[in-house]
Protein backbone atom coordinates (compact mmCIF):
# COMPACT_ATOMS: atom_id res chain seq x y z
CA MET A 1 20.92 16.38 -18.97
CA LEU A 2 23.85 14.76 -21.00
CA TRP A 3 25.68 11.33 -19.73
CA GLY A 4 28.28 9.59 -21.03
CA SER A 5 28.82 5.73 -20.82
CA HIS A 6 31.60 3.83 -21.87
CA LEU A 7 31.23 0.25 -23.83
CA GLY A 8 31.48 -1.29 -26.92
CA GLY A 9 33.95 -1.95 -29.11
CA LEU A 10 35.54 -0.15 -32.67
CA GLU A 11 37.57 -1.55 -35.26
CA LEU A 12 39.81 0.62 -37.28
CA ARG A 13 39.72 0.08 -41.30
CA SER A 14 41.52 2.24 -44.19
CA GLU A 15 39.92 2.19 -47.66
CA GLY A 16 39.79 4.56 -50.56
CA GLY A 17 40.94 7.37 -48.83
CA GLU A 18 38.78 7.35 -46.22
CA THR A 19 39.01 5.66 -42.29
CA ARG A 20 36.53 3.30 -41.24
CA LEU A 21 35.39 2.69 -37.68
CA LEU A 22 33.26 -0.07 -37.24
CA GLY A 23 32.09 -0.41 -33.38
CA ARG A 24 29.47 -2.23 -31.06
CA PHE A 25 27.92 -0.95 -27.86
CA PRO A 26 26.58 -4.09 -26.47
CA TYR A 27 23.13 -4.18 -24.44
CA GLY A 28 22.05 -6.23 -21.57
CA ARG A 29 26.01 -6.33 -20.18
CA GLU A 30 25.90 -5.19 -16.76
CA THR A 31 28.58 -3.12 -15.26
CA VAL A 32 29.91 -1.79 -12.04
CA LEU A 33 30.33 1.84 -12.52
CA ARG A 34 31.82 2.66 -8.79
CA GLU A 35 32.43 0.02 -6.31
CA ALA A 36 31.02 0.60 -2.83
CA ARG A 37 33.53 2.86 -0.34
CA SER A 38 32.80 4.59 2.88
CA GLY A 39 29.48 4.32 3.24
CA ALA A 40 28.77 5.31 -0.49
CA PRO A 41 26.96 2.09 -2.31
CA GLU A 42 28.10 0.13 -5.40
CA LEU A 43 26.38 1.60 -8.67
CA ARG A 44 25.63 -0.73 -11.39
CA GLU A 45 24.06 0.31 -15.14
CA VAL A 46 22.80 -1.92 -17.65
CA PHE A 47 21.36 -1.36 -20.99
CA ALA A 48 18.38 -3.19 -21.98
CA PRO A 49 18.03 -4.01 -25.69
CA ARG A 50 17.12 -1.55 -28.22
CA ALA A 51 17.70 1.39 -25.88
CA PHE A 52 18.55 3.91 -28.40
CA ARG A 53 15.58 2.77 -30.76
CA MET A 54 13.92 6.30 -30.62
CA ARG A 55 16.93 8.09 -32.22
CA VAL A 56 18.25 5.49 -34.45
CA GLU A 57 15.05 4.47 -36.17
CA HIS A 58 13.37 8.01 -36.23
CA ARG A 59 16.69 9.99 -37.25
CA ASN A 60 14.96 12.97 -36.58
CA ARG A 61 17.60 14.53 -35.16
CA ASN A 62 21.49 14.39 -36.10
CA ILE A 63 23.96 12.46 -34.28
CA MET A 64 27.58 13.34 -34.20
CA ALA A 65 30.66 10.72 -33.75
CA LEU A 66 33.02 13.02 -31.54
CA ALA A 67 36.41 12.57 -30.09
CA GLY A 68 35.85 12.54 -26.22
CA HIS A 69 32.61 13.91 -26.07
CA ASP A 70 33.92 17.12 -27.41
CA PHE A 71 30.95 18.95 -29.74
CA ALA A 72 34.49 20.69 -30.84
CA LYS A 73 36.21 17.76 -32.04
CA PRO A 74 33.79 15.82 -35.05
CA LEU A 75 34.76 13.03 -36.63
CA ALA A 76 30.97 12.19 -38.43
CA SER A 77 27.60 12.88 -38.49
CA LEU A 78 24.12 11.36 -39.49
CA ALA A 79 23.64 14.57 -41.56
CA THR A 80 26.71 14.49 -43.62
CA HIS A 81 26.15 10.52 -44.57
CA THR A 82 29.53 9.74 -42.32
CA LEU A 83 27.72 7.80 -39.66
CA ASP A 84 25.65 4.94 -39.68
CA MET A 85 23.66 2.92 -36.89
CA GLU A 86 21.84 0.01 -36.68
CA ASP A 87 19.96 -1.10 -33.51
CA THR A 88 20.04 -4.62 -32.98
CA GLU A 89 18.56 -6.84 -29.89
CA ASP A 90 22.40 -7.53 -28.99
CA ALA A 91 24.20 -4.27 -29.59
CA LEU A 92 23.97 -0.83 -31.48
CA LEU A 93 26.16 -1.10 -34.35
CA VAL A 94 27.89 2.23 -35.31
CA GLU A 95 29.92 2.71 -38.52
CA ILE A 96 32.45 6.23 -38.67
CA ARG A 97 33.52 7.17 -41.85
CA ILE A 98 36.10 9.52 -41.44
CA LYS A 99 36.84 11.76 -44.64
CA PRO A 100 40.28 12.79 -45.36
CA GLU A 101 40.39 16.41 -44.89
CA ILE A 102 38.74 15.59 -40.94
CA ALA A 103 41.71 12.98 -41.11
CA ALA A 104 44.11 15.90 -41.19
CA ALA A 105 42.65 17.43 -38.59
CA SER A 106 45.37 17.50 -35.39
CA TYR A 107 42.59 16.17 -32.64
CA CYS A 108 41.67 13.27 -35.52
CA ARG A 109 45.24 12.25 -36.26
CA ASP A 110 45.59 11.87 -32.08
CA ILE A 111 42.59 9.91 -31.59
CA LEU A 112 43.33 7.61 -34.74
CA ALA A 113 46.94 7.44 -33.70
CA GLY A 114 45.48 6.25 -30.05
CA VAL A 115 42.83 3.75 -31.77
CA ARG A 116 46.17 1.74 -33.95
CA ALA A 117 48.62 2.22 -30.60
CA GLY A 118 45.53 0.22 -28.53
CA LEU A 119 45.24 3.19 -26.16
CA THR A 120 41.98 4.71 -27.10
CA VAL A 121 39.99 1.65 -26.51
CA GLY A 122 36.45 2.56 -26.16
CA LEU A 123 33.23 3.78 -27.77
CA SER A 124 30.97 5.76 -25.35
CA PRO A 125 27.27 7.45 -26.15
CA GLY A 126 26.24 10.43 -24.76
CA PHE A 127 22.73 10.52 -24.10
CA ARG A 128 19.73 11.71 -22.17
CA VAL A 129 17.36 8.80 -20.59
CA ALA A 130 13.89 9.82 -21.76
CA SER A 131 12.24 10.71 -18.34
CA ASP A 132 9.07 11.89 -19.94
CA LEU A 133 8.45 8.25 -20.73
CA PRO A 134 7.08 5.68 -18.07
CA GLY A 135 9.54 3.01 -17.45
CA ALA A 136 12.36 4.75 -19.47
CA GLU A 137 14.71 3.58 -16.67
CA VAL A 138 14.58 1.84 -13.52
CA ILE A 139 16.21 2.06 -10.41
CA GLN A 140 16.37 -0.38 -7.87
CA ARG A 141 18.17 -0.73 -4.40
CA GLN A 142 19.16 -4.17 -3.11
CA GLY A 143 21.17 -3.71 0.30
CA ASN A 144 24.45 -1.76 -0.61
CA VAL A 145 23.89 -1.83 -4.21
CA ILE A 146 22.19 0.42 -6.74
CA ARG A 147 21.13 -0.63 -10.38
CA ARG A 148 20.12 1.23 -12.76
CA GLU A 149 18.64 -0.16 -15.76
CA VAL A 150 18.44 2.23 -18.70
CA ARG A 151 15.41 1.02 -21.14
CA THR A 152 14.80 4.13 -23.52
CA ALA A 153 17.35 6.80 -23.95
CA PHE A 154 17.81 9.52 -26.30
CA LEU A 155 21.32 8.93 -28.23
CA GLU A 156 22.75 12.50 -28.77
CA GLU A 157 26.10 11.66 -29.95
CA ILE A 158 28.67 8.70 -30.10
CA SER A 159 32.41 8.86 -28.92
CA ILE A 160 35.79 7.62 -29.14
CA VAL A 161 37.35 7.62 -25.84
CA THR A 162 40.16 6.25 -23.89
CA ARG A 163 38.30 4.56 -21.13
CA PRO A 164 35.82 2.05 -21.36
CA ALA A 165 33.77 1.15 -18.12
CA TYR A 166 32.42 -2.09 -19.53
CA PRO A 167 35.07 -5.32 -20.08
CA GLU A 168 33.65 -5.27 -24.12
CA ALA A 169 34.11 -1.70 -24.55
CA GLN A 170 37.43 -2.79 -25.88
CA ILE A 171 38.94 -1.29 -29.42
CA GLU A 172 41.13 -3.47 -31.80
CA ALA A 173 43.10 -1.79 -34.10
CA ARG A 174 42.68 -3.95 -37.13
CA CYS A 175 45.88 -4.51 -39.34
CA TRP A 176 45.26 -5.15 -42.84
CA ARG A 177 48.48 -6.24 -43.84
CA PRO A 178 50.04 -9.40 -43.54
CA GLY A 179 52.89 -10.07 -40.85
CA GLU A 180 51.63 -7.28 -38.61
CA ALA A 181 50.62 -7.70 -35.25
CA THR A 182 47.53 -6.33 -33.60
CA PRO A 183 48.16 -4.31 -30.53
CA ARG A 184 45.98 -5.34 -27.42
CA PRO A 185 44.37 -2.95 -25.42
CA THR A 186 44.68 -2.23 -21.46
CA ALA A 187 41.80 -3.31 -18.97
CA PRO A 188 38.92 -1.04 -18.66
CA HIS A 189 38.71 1.31 -16.09
CA PRO A 190 35.10 2.20 -14.59
CA LEU A 191 33.10 5.33 -15.37
CA GLN A 192 33.01 7.88 -12.39
CA ARG A 193 29.86 9.91 -13.92
CA TRP A 194 26.63 8.54 -12.73
CA ARG A 195 23.22 10.19 -11.81
CA LEU A 196 21.03 9.00 -9.28
């Protein structure tokens, strides 16, 4: 099963006819995905350092960069050498290079306009927990709180989204011309998808 979790941050640059998005998916930052309500427990999630290392280091499968987790809206991929990733102890670092022919597509124009306006403010991985590996995830319940730590997951895709769950999941549209202001994104919204 594929899950999305919104966190990270992006920076937008245009160079040589190519648009580049630079992003970070931070590790070790716990977030509340759902607050406790009407008898349902609070859900929290955190990604351990290098949780995506298996796919990032081995690159034995194509990973796509998408608009809003939609495979019909591709932006870049490992196979086309327009997506690059580096897994560090602090974060998954992502560089998405959007070619002019993709930037001309209406969905891409929409997503880039949202980034520039500070409305599309999140970086979100689509992933599967490596459930066949012992300790791939640890789920603990303490009182009315359920906490999931994702330790090993298979990264399937990385998406630009509008509603990040983590405070660090903010996108900044960087202006590269002196005198222009950088728009500030709005506050994050909790992610509503989670598996127990």
